[in-house]
Amino acid sequence: MAMKLPSDNEGKIKLAMSILITIINDTGVPRNIRRAAANALTHLRDVRLSPAVRAANAISVLDEVSQDPNMPFYARTRIWQVITILETVKD
């Protein structure tokens, strides 16, 4: 079943943040990946920047870690899901 994305940028960012929080709290995910998710979350919370810049910064962090061979498949899928959501954020 396809997920309906919120139409506003802040809604998309909040959705991405909630998925990142589940990754951060999952002890089955390696620590370096949880750390990258926390770093991406910090970028998304930086209200001094525009929504598109916050999303781009988070995507950069997540794209780099998504190549990690030690990442469980379900976590990689969640990371890709977050990246897909954030790619729709525009100024």
PDB file of N, CA and C in Angstrom:
ATOM      1  N   MET A   1       0.846  -1.174   0.000  1.00  0.00           N
ATOM      2  CA  MET A   1       0.000   0.000   0.000  1.00  0.00           C
ATOM      3  C   MET A   1       0.890   1.236   0.000  1.00  0.00           C
ATOM      4  N   ALA A   2       0.629   2.160  -0.885  1.00  0.00           N
ATOM      5  CA  ALA A   2       1.416   3.377  -1.001  1.00  0.00           C
ATOM      6  C   ALA A   2       1.082   4.333   0.141  1.00  0.00           C
ATOM      7  N   MET A   3       2.118   5.037   0.590  1.00  0.00           N
ATOM      8  CA  MET A   3       1.929   5.989   1.676  1.00  0.00           C
ATOM      9  C   MET A   3       1.627   7.359   1.073  1.00  0.00           C
ATOM     10  N   LYS A   4       0.636   8.035   1.617  1.00  0.00           N
ATOM     11  CA  LYS A   4       0.265   9.379   1.163  1.00  0.00           C
ATOM     12  C   LYS A   4       1.179  10.382   1.852  1.00  0.00           C
ATOM     13  N   LEU A   5       1.912  11.152   1.053  1.00  0.00           N
ATOM     14  CA  LEU A   5       2.808  12.165   1.597  1.00  0.00           C
ATOM     15  C   LEU A   5       2.041  13.426   1.957  1.00  0.00           C
ATOM     16  N   PRO A   6       2.434  14.080   3.045  1.00  0.00           N
ATOM     17  CA  PRO A   6       1.840  15.382   3.343  1.00  0.00           C
ATOM     18  C   PRO A   6       2.160  16.354   2.204  1.00  0.00           C
ATOM     19  N   SER A   7       1.301  17.331   1.989  1.00  0.00           N
ATOM     20  CA  SER A   7       1.503  18.254   0.867  1.00  0.00           C
ATOM     21  C   SER A   7       2.463  19.396   1.210  1.00  0.00           C
ATOM     22  N   ASP A   8       2.659  19.676   2.481  1.00  0.00           N
ATOM     23  CA  ASP A   8       3.536  20.775   2.867  1.00  0.00           C
ATOM     24  C   ASP A   8       4.922  20.278   3.263  1.00  0.00           C
ATOM     25  N   ASN A   9       5.915  21.156   3.097  1.00  0.00           N
ATOM     26  CA  ASN A   9       7.299  20.794   3.396  1.00  0.00           C
ATOM     27  C   ASN A   9       7.497  20.390   4.849  1.00  0.00           C
ATOM     28  N   GLU A  10       6.915  21.149   5.779  1.00  0.00           N
ATOM     29  CA  GLU A  10       7.106  20.832   7.196  1.00  0.00           C
ATOM     30  C   GLU A  10       6.499  19.472   7.543  1.00  0.00           C
ATOM     31  N   GLY A  11       5.378  19.133   6.935  1.00  0.00           N
ATOM     32  CA  GLY A  11       4.769  17.824   7.159  1.00  0.00           C
ATOM     33  C   GLY A  11       5.670  16.706   6.675  1.00  0.00           C
ATOM     34  N   LYS A  12       6.290  16.898   5.513  1.00  0.00           N
ATOM     35  CA  LYS A  12       7.221  15.899   4.979  1.00  0.00           C
ATOM     36  C   LYS A  12       8.437  15.753   5.886  1.00  0.00           C
ATOM     37  N   ILE A  13       8.945  16.881   6.365  1.00  0.00           N
ATOM     38  CA  ILE A  13      10.109  16.847   7.252  1.00  0.00           C
ATOM     39  C   ILE A  13       9.751  16.147   8.558  1.00  0.00           C
ATOM     40  N   LYS A  14       8.573  16.421   9.100  1.00  0.00           N
ATOM     41  CA  LYS A  14       8.141  15.753  10.341  1.00  0.00           C
ATOM     42  C   LYS A  14       8.011  14.247  10.144  1.00  0.00           C
ATOM     43  N   LEU A  15       7.480  13.825   9.002  1.00  0.00           N
ATOM     44  CA  LEU A  15       7.365  12.401   8.696  1.00  0.00           C
ATOM     45  C   LEU A  15       8.749  11.761   8.615  1.00  0.00           C
ATOM     46  N   ALA A  16       9.670  12.414   7.915  1.00  0.00           N
ATOM     47  CA  ALA A  16      11.036  11.906   7.810  1.00  0.00           C
ATOM     48  C   ALA A  16      11.690  11.830   9.192  1.00  0.00           C
ATOM     49  N   MET A  17      11.454  12.842  10.021  1.00  0.00           N
ATOM     50  CA  MET A  17      12.023  12.862  11.365  1.00  0.00           C
ATOM     51  C   MET A  17      11.499  11.694  12.200  1.00  0.00           C
ATOM     52  N   SER A  18      10.219  11.388  12.079  1.00  0.00           N
ATOM     53  CA  SER A  18       9.666  10.284  12.877  1.00  0.00           C
ATOM     54  C   SER A  18      10.270   8.947  12.445  1.00  0.00           C
ATOM     55  N   ILE A  19      10.516   8.767  11.156  1.00  0.00           N
ATOM     56  CA  ILE A  19      11.151   7.534  10.691  1.00  0.00           C
ATOM     57  C   ILE A  19      12.592   7.465  11.189  1.00  0.00           C
ATOM     58  N   LEU A  20      13.300   8.593  11.134  1.00  0.00           N
ATOM     59  CA  LEU A  20      14.675   8.619  11.632  1.00  0.00           C
ATOM     60  C   LEU A  20      14.735   8.297  13.119  1.00  0.00           C
ATOM     61  N   ILE A  21      13.773   8.772  13.881  1.00  0.00           N
ATOM     62  CA  ILE A  21      13.744   8.490  15.323  1.00  0.00           C
ATOM     63  C   ILE A  21      13.583   6.989  15.568  1.00  0.00           C
ATOM     64  N   THR A  22      12.766   6.310  14.757  1.00  0.00           N
ATOM     65  CA  THR A  22      12.631   4.856  14.932  1.00  0.00           C
ATOM     66  C   THR A  22      13.949   4.144  14.632  1.00  0.00           C
ATOM     67  N   ILE A  23      14.706   4.645  13.649  1.00  0.00           N
ATOM     68  CA  ILE A  23      16.018   4.051  13.340  1.00  0.00           C
ATOM     69  C   ILE A  23      16.988   4.293  14.498  1.00  0.00           C
ATOM     70  N   ILE A  24      16.992   5.508  15.018  1.00  0.00           N
ATOM     71  CA  ILE A  24      17.900   5.862  16.114  1.00  0.00           C
ATOM     72  C   ILE A  24      17.631   5.001  17.346  1.00  0.00           C
ATOM     73  N   ASN A  25      16.355   4.698  17.607  1.00  0.00           N
ATOM     74  CA  ASN A  25      15.991   3.929  18.802  1.00  0.00           C
ATOM     75  C   ASN A  25      16.077   2.421  18.612  1.00  0.00           C
ATOM     76  N   ASP A  26      16.405   1.961  17.416  1.00  0.00           N
ATOM     77  CA  ASP A  26      16.488   0.528  17.123  1.00  0.00           C
ATOM     78  C   ASP A  26      17.900   0.028  17.415  1.00  0.00           C
ATOM     79  N   THR A  27      18.055  -0.749  18.490  1.00  0.00           N
ATOM     80  CA  THR A  27      19.378  -1.234  18.880  1.00  0.00           C
ATOM     81  C   THR A  27      19.905  -2.319  17.942  1.00  0.00           C
ATOM     82  N   GLY A  28      19.071  -2.818  17.038  1.00  0.00           N
ATOM     83  CA  GLY A  28      19.517  -3.795  16.052  1.00  0.00           C
ATOM     84  C   GLY A  28      20.253  -3.153  14.887  1.00  0.00           C
ATOM     85  N   VAL A  29      20.216  -1.833  14.817  1.00  0.00           N
ATOM     86  CA  VAL A  29      20.909  -1.094  13.766  1.00  0.00           C
ATOM     87  C   VAL A  29      22.294  -0.717  14.290  1.00  0.00           C
ATOM     88  N   PRO A  30      23.339  -0.929  13.491  1.00  0.00           N
ATOM     89  CA  PRO A  30      24.694  -0.581  13.954  1.00  0.00           C
ATOM     90  C   PRO A  30      24.809   0.877  14.402  1.00  0.00           C
ATOM     91  N   ARG A  31      25.696   1.083  15.353  1.00  0.00           N
ATOM     92  CA  ARG A  31      25.834   2.396  15.993  1.00  0.00           C
ATOM     93  C   ARG A  31      26.184   3.500  15.001  1.00  0.00           C
ATOM     94  N   ASN A  32      27.049   3.224  14.016  1.00  0.00           N
ATOM     95  CA  ASN A  32      27.431   4.281  13.071  1.00  0.00           C
ATOM     96  C   ASN A  32      26.236   4.726  12.219  1.00  0.00           C
ATOM     97  N   ILE A  33      25.331   3.818  11.938  1.00  0.00           N
ATOM     98  CA  ILE A  33      24.142   4.159  11.154  1.00  0.00           C
ATOM     99  C   ILE A  33      23.153   4.952  12.012  1.00  0.00           C
ATOM    100  N   ARG A  34      23.010   4.556  13.265  1.00  0.00           N
ATOM    101  CA  ARG A  34      22.153   5.335  14.184  1.00  0.00           C
ATOM    102  C   ARG A  34      22.724   6.730  14.364  1.00  0.00           C
ATOM    103  N   ARG A  35      24.046   6.833  14.417  1.00  0.00           N
ATOM    104  CA  ARG A  35      24.691   8.146  14.569  1.00  0.00           C
ATOM    105  C   ARG A  35      24.424   9.014  13.334  1.00  0.00           C
ATOM    106  N   ALA A  36      24.495   8.423  12.149  1.00  0.00           N
ATOM    107  CA  ALA A  36      24.211   9.172  10.918  1.00  0.00           C
ATOM    108  C   ALA A  36      22.747   9.613  10.887  1.00  0.00           C
ATOM    109  N   ALA A  37      21.845   8.745  11.344  1.00  0.00           N
ATOM    110  CA  ALA A  37      20.425   9.105  11.406  1.00  0.00           C
ATOM    111  C   ALA A  37      20.222  10.276  12.376  1.00  0.00           C
ATOM    112  N   ALA A  38      20.931  10.246  13.495  1.00  0.00           N
ATOM    113  CA  ALA A  38      20.839  11.346  14.468  1.00  0.00           C
ATOM    114  C   ALA A  38      21.399  12.638  13.873  1.00  0.00           C
ATOM    115  N   ASN A  39      22.469  12.519  13.096  1.00  0.00           N
ATOM    116  CA  ASN A  39      23.061  13.681  12.436  1.00  0.00           C
ATOM    117  C   ASN A  39      22.077  14.261  11.419  1.00  0.00           C
ATOM    118  N   ALA A  40      21.434  13.395  10.644  1.00  0.00           N
ATOM    119  CA  ALA A  40      20.427  13.854   9.677  1.00  0.00           C
ATOM    120  C   ALA A  40      19.263  14.530  10.394  1.00  0.00           C
ATOM    121  N   LEU A  41      18.865  13.963  11.532  1.00  0.00           N
ATOM    122  CA  LEU A  41      17.782  14.547  12.330  1.00  0.00           C
ATOM    123  C   LEU A  41      18.161  15.953  12.801  1.00  0.00           C
ATOM    124  N   THR A  42      19.407  16.133  13.208  1.00  0.00           N
ATOM    125  CA  THR A  42      19.885  17.446  13.632  1.00  0.00           C
ATOM    126  C   THR A  42      19.788  18.446  12.479  1.00  0.00           C
ATOM    127  N   HIS A  43      20.159  18.012  11.273  1.00  0.00           N
ATOM    128  CA  HIS A  43      20.041  18.895  10.097  1.00  0.00           C
ATOM    129  C   HIS A  43      18.580  19.285   9.856  1.00  0.00           C
ATOM    130  N   LEU A  44      17.673  18.326  10.007  1.00  0.00           N
ATOM    131  CA  LEU A  44      16.255  18.610   9.752  1.00  0.00           C
ATOM    132  C   LEU A  44      15.668  19.550  10.797  1.00  0.00           C
ATOM    133  N   ARG A  45      16.218  19.545  11.996  1.00  0.00           N
ATOM    134  CA  ARG A  45      15.708  20.401  13.074  1.00  0.00           C
ATOM    135  C   ARG A  45      16.260  21.817  13.036  1.00  0.00           C
ATOM    136  N   ASP A  46      17.223  22.092  12.161  1.00  0.00           N
ATOM    137  CA  ASP A  46      17.872  23.405  12.090  1.00  0.00           C
ATOM    138  C   ASP A  46      16.952  24.399  11.370  1.00  0.00           C
ATOM    139  N   VAL A  47      16.144  25.113  12.144  1.00  0.00           N
ATOM    140  CA  VAL A  47      15.143  26.020  11.565  1.00  0.00           C
ATOM    141  C   VAL A  47      15.747  27.308  10.997  1.00  0.00           C
ATOM    142  N   ARG A  48      17.055  27.509  11.178  1.00  0.00           N
ATOM    143  CA  ARG A  48      17.698  28.695  10.600  1.00  0.00           C
ATOM    144  C   ARG A  48      17.797  28.576   9.084  1.00  0.00           C
ATOM    145  N   LEU A  49      17.718  27.349   8.563  1.00  0.00           N
ATOM    146  CA  LEU A  49      17.830  27.112   7.128  1.00  0.00           C
ATOM    147  C   LEU A  49      16.455  26.871   6.516  1.00  0.00           C
ATOM    148  N   SER A  50      16.364  27.022   5.207  1.00  0.00           N
ATOM    149  CA  SER A  50      15.094  26.765   4.523  1.00  0.00           C
ATOM    150  C   SER A  50      14.825  25.259   4.521  1.00  0.00           C
ATOM    151  N   PRO A  51      13.560  24.864   4.371  1.00  0.00           N
ATOM    152  CA  PRO A  51      13.235  23.431   4.359  1.00  0.00           C
ATOM    153  C   PRO A  51      14.018  22.632   3.307  1.00  0.00           C
ATOM    154  N   ALA A  52      14.209  23.192   2.127  1.00  0.00           N
ATOM    155  CA  ALA A  52      14.924  22.471   1.066  1.00  0.00           C
ATOM    156  C   ALA A  52      16.396  22.263   1.420  1.00  0.00           C
ATOM    157  N   VAL A  53      17.009  23.251   2.045  1.00  0.00           N
ATOM    158  CA  VAL A  53      18.413  23.129   2.444  1.00  0.00           C
ATOM    159  C   VAL A  53      18.546  22.103   3.567  1.00  0.00           C
ATOM    160  N   ARG A  54      17.616  22.140   4.523  1.00  0.00           N
ATOM    161  CA  ARG A  54      17.634  21.150   5.608  1.00  0.00           C
ATOM    162  C   ARG A  54      17.502  19.744   5.045  1.00  0.00           C
ATOM    163  N   ALA A  55      16.584  19.579   4.085  1.00  0.00           N
ATOM    164  CA  ALA A  55      16.371  18.271   3.470  1.00  0.00           C
ATOM    165  C   ALA A  55      17.617  17.829   2.700  1.00  0.00           C
ATOM    166  N   ALA A  56      18.224  18.729   1.951  1.00  0.00           N
ATOM    167  CA  ALA A  56      19.418  18.397   1.167  1.00  0.00           C
ATOM    168  C   ALA A  56      20.579  17.980   2.068  1.00  0.00           C
ATOM    169  N   ASN A  57      20.746  18.680   3.186  1.00  0.00           N
ATOM    170  CA  ASN A  57      21.812  18.332   4.129  1.00  0.00           C
ATOM    171  C   ASN A  57      21.578  16.940   4.714  1.00  0.00           C
ATOM    172  N   ALA A  58      20.344  16.638   5.076  1.00  0.00           N
ATOM    173  CA  ALA A  58      20.014  15.332   5.637  1.00  0.00           C
ATOM    174  C   ALA A  58      20.200  14.234   4.588  1.00  0.00           C
ATOM    175  N   ILE A  59      19.774  14.502   3.351  1.00  0.00           N
ATOM    176  CA  ILE A  59      19.942  13.518   2.273  1.00  0.00           C
ATOM    177  C   ILE A  59      21.415  13.198   2.076  1.00  0.00           C
ATOM    178  N   SER A  60      22.251  14.199   2.129  1.00  0.00           N
ATOM    179  CA  SER A  60      23.690  14.004   1.948  1.00  0.00           C
ATOM    180  C   SER A  60      24.247  13.026   2.980  1.00  0.00           C
ATOM    181  N   VAL A  61      23.867  13.216   4.232  1.00  0.00           N
ATOM    182  CA  VAL A  61      24.324  12.337   5.313  1.00  0.00           C
ATOM    183  C   VAL A  61      23.786  10.920   5.117  1.00  0.00           C
ATOM    184  N   LEU A  62      22.506  10.807   4.802  1.00  0.00           N
ATOM    185  CA  LEU A  62      21.871   9.495   4.676  1.00  0.00           C
ATOM    186  C   LEU A  62      22.339   8.745   3.437  1.00  0.00           C
ATOM    187  N   ASP A  63      22.579   9.454   2.353  1.00  0.00           N
ATOM    188  CA  ASP A  63      23.033   8.803   1.128  1.00  0.00           C
ATOM    189  C   ASP A  63      24.397   8.149   1.342  1.00  0.00           C
ATOM    190  N   GLU A  64      25.247   8.837   2.057  1.00  0.00           N
ATOM    191  CA  GLU A  64      26.581   8.301   2.339  1.00  0.00           C
ATOM    192  C   GLU A  64      26.504   7.015   3.157  1.00  0.00           C
ATOM    193  N   VAL A  65      25.674   6.986   4.184  1.00  0.00           N
ATOM    194  CA  VAL A  65      25.598   5.821   5.064  1.00  0.00           C
ATOM    195  C   VAL A  65      24.763   4.693   4.449  1.00  0.00           C
ATOM    196  N   SER A  66      23.934   4.993   3.462  1.00  0.00           N
ATOM    197  CA  SER A  66      23.072   3.959   2.881  1.00  0.00           C
ATOM    198  C   SER A  66      23.878   2.908   2.121  1.00  0.00           C
ATOM    199  N   GLN A  67      25.134   3.198   1.839  1.00  0.00           N
ATOM    200  CA  GLN A  67      25.997   2.252   1.131  1.00  0.00           C
ATOM    201  C   GLN A  67      26.693   1.269   2.073  1.00  0.00           C
ATOM    202  N   ASP A  68      26.500   1.422   3.373  1.00  0.00           N
ATOM    203  CA  ASP A  68      27.174   0.577   4.365  1.00  0.00           C
ATOM    204  C   ASP A  68      26.724  -0.886   4.225  1.00  0.00           C
ATOM    205  N   PRO A  69      27.661  -1.802   3.995  1.00  0.00           N
ATOM    206  CA  PRO A  69      27.280  -3.213   3.818  1.00  0.00           C
ATOM    207  C   PRO A  69      26.793  -3.878   5.110  1.00  0.00           C
ATOM    208  N   ASN A  70      27.064  -3.275   6.254  1.00  0.00           N
ATOM    209  CA  ASN A  70      26.641  -3.857   7.532  1.00  0.00           C
ATOM    210  C   ASN A  70      25.224  -3.468   7.930  1.00  0.00           C
ATOM    211  N   MET A  71      24.589  -2.642   7.116  1.00  0.00           N
ATOM    212  CA  MET A  71      23.249  -2.170   7.461  1.00  0.00           C
ATOM    213  C   MET A  71      22.219  -3.276   7.203  1.00  0.00           C
ATOM    214  N   PRO A  72      21.342  -3.527   8.196  1.00  0.00           N
ATOM    215  CA  PRO A  72      20.259  -4.491   7.955  1.00  0.00           C
ATOM    216  C   PRO A  72      19.356  -4.002   6.821  1.00  0.00           C
ATOM    217  N   PHE A  73      18.778  -4.946   6.065  1.00  0.00           N
ATOM    218  CA  PHE A  73      17.957  -4.590   4.907  1.00  0.00           C
ATOM    219  C   PHE A  73      16.793  -3.690   5.287  1.00  0.00           C
ATOM    220  N   TYR A  74      16.132  -3.983   6.415  1.00  0.00           N
ATOM    221  CA  TYR A  74      14.972  -3.176   6.800  1.00  0.00           C
ATOM    222  C   TYR A  74      15.383  -1.744   7.112  1.00  0.00           C
ATOM    223  N   ALA A  75      16.573  -1.554   7.685  1.00  0.00           N
ATOM    224  CA  ALA A  75      17.045  -0.197   8.003  1.00  0.00           C
ATOM    225  C   ALA A  75      17.394   0.542   6.713  1.00  0.00           C
ATOM    226  N   ARG A  76      17.998  -0.170   5.758  1.00  0.00           N
ATOM    227  CA  ARG A  76      18.331   0.451   4.472  1.00  0.00           C
ATOM    228  C   ARG A  76      17.049   0.915   3.770  1.00  0.00           C
ATOM    229  N   THR A  77      16.007   0.080   3.832  1.00  0.00           N
ATOM    230  CA  THR A  77      14.727   0.438   3.227  1.00  0.00           C
ATOM    231  C   THR A  77      14.155   1.694   3.877  1.00  0.00           C
ATOM    232  N   ARG A  78      14.253   1.781   5.203  1.00  0.00           N
ATOM    233  CA  ARG A  78      13.744   2.965   5.916  1.00  0.00           C
ATOM    234  C   ARG A  78      14.545   4.217   5.538  1.00  0.00           C
ATOM    235  N   ILE A  79      15.866   4.059   5.420  1.00  0.00           N
ATOM    236  CA  ILE A  79      16.720   5.192   5.031  1.00  0.00           C
ATOM    237  C   ILE A  79      16.336   5.661   3.625  1.00  0.00           C
ATOM    238  N   TRP A  80      16.159   4.714   2.710  1.00  0.00           N
ATOM    239  CA  TRP A  80      15.744   5.080   1.352  1.00  0.00           C
ATOM    240  C   TRP A  80      14.383   5.758   1.368  1.00  0.00           C
ATOM    241  N   GLN A  81      13.502   5.296   2.247  1.00  0.00           N
ATOM    242  CA  GLN A  81      12.180   5.905   2.370  1.00  0.00           C
ATOM    243  C   GLN A  81      12.313   7.374   2.795  1.00  0.00           C
ATOM    244  N   VAL A  82      13.162   7.624   3.779  1.00  0.00           N
ATOM    245  CA  VAL A  82      13.386   8.996   4.248  1.00  0.00           C
ATOM    246  C   VAL A  82      13.965   9.849   3.118  1.00  0.00           C
ATOM    247  N   ILE A  83      14.949   9.307   2.392  1.00  0.00           N
ATOM    248  CA  ILE A  83      15.555  10.056   1.289  1.00  0.00           C
ATOM    249  C   ILE A  83      14.497  10.400   0.241  1.00  0.00           C
ATOM    250  N   THR A  84      13.656   9.445  -0.089  1.00  0.00           N
ATOM    251  CA  THR A  84      12.590   9.666  -1.081  1.00  0.00           C
ATOM    252  C   THR A  84      11.640  10.776  -0.635  1.00  0.00           C
ATOM    253  N   ILE A  85      11.267  10.757   0.637  1.00  0.00           N
ATOM    254  CA  ILE A  85      10.385  11.801   1.172  1.00  0.00           C
ATOM    255  C   ILE A  85      11.062  13.168   1.087  1.00  0.00           C
ATOM    256  N   LEU A  86      12.331  13.211   1.511  1.00  0.00           N
ATOM    257  CA  LEU A  86      13.034  14.488   1.567  1.00  0.00           C
ATOM    258  C   LEU A  86      13.332  15.041   0.168  1.00  0.00           C
ATOM    259  N   GLU A  87      13.455  14.173  -0.827  1.00  0.00           N
ATOM    260  CA  GLU A  87      13.705  14.648  -2.187  1.00  0.00           C
ATOM    261  C   GLU A  87      12.517  15.443  -2.743  1.00  0.00           C
ATOM    262  N   THR A  88      11.348  15.297  -2.137  1.00  0.00           N
ATOM    263  CA  THR A  88      10.162  16.039  -2.602  1.00  0.00           C
ATOM    264  C   THR A  88      10.045  17.420  -1.947  1.00  0.00           C
ATOM    265  N   VAL A  89      10.913  17.723  -1.001  1.00  0.00           N
ATOM    266  CA  VAL A  89      10.865  19.026  -0.315  1.00  0.00           C
ATOM    267  C   VAL A  89      11.513  20.076  -1.203  1.00  0.00           C
ATOM    268  N   LYS A  90      10.756  21.094  -1.551  1.00  0.00           N
ATOM    269  CA  LYS A  90      11.228  22.185  -2.410  1.00  0.00           C
ATOM    270  C   LYS A  90      10.927  23.524  -1.753  1.00  0.00           C
ATOM    271  N   ASP A  91      11.750  24.515  -2.059  1.00  0.00           N
ATOM    272  CA  ASP A  91      11.491  25.873  -1.545  1.00  0.00           C
ATOM    273  C   ASP A  91      10.521  26.604  -2.443  1.00  0.00           C
TER     274      ASP A  91
END
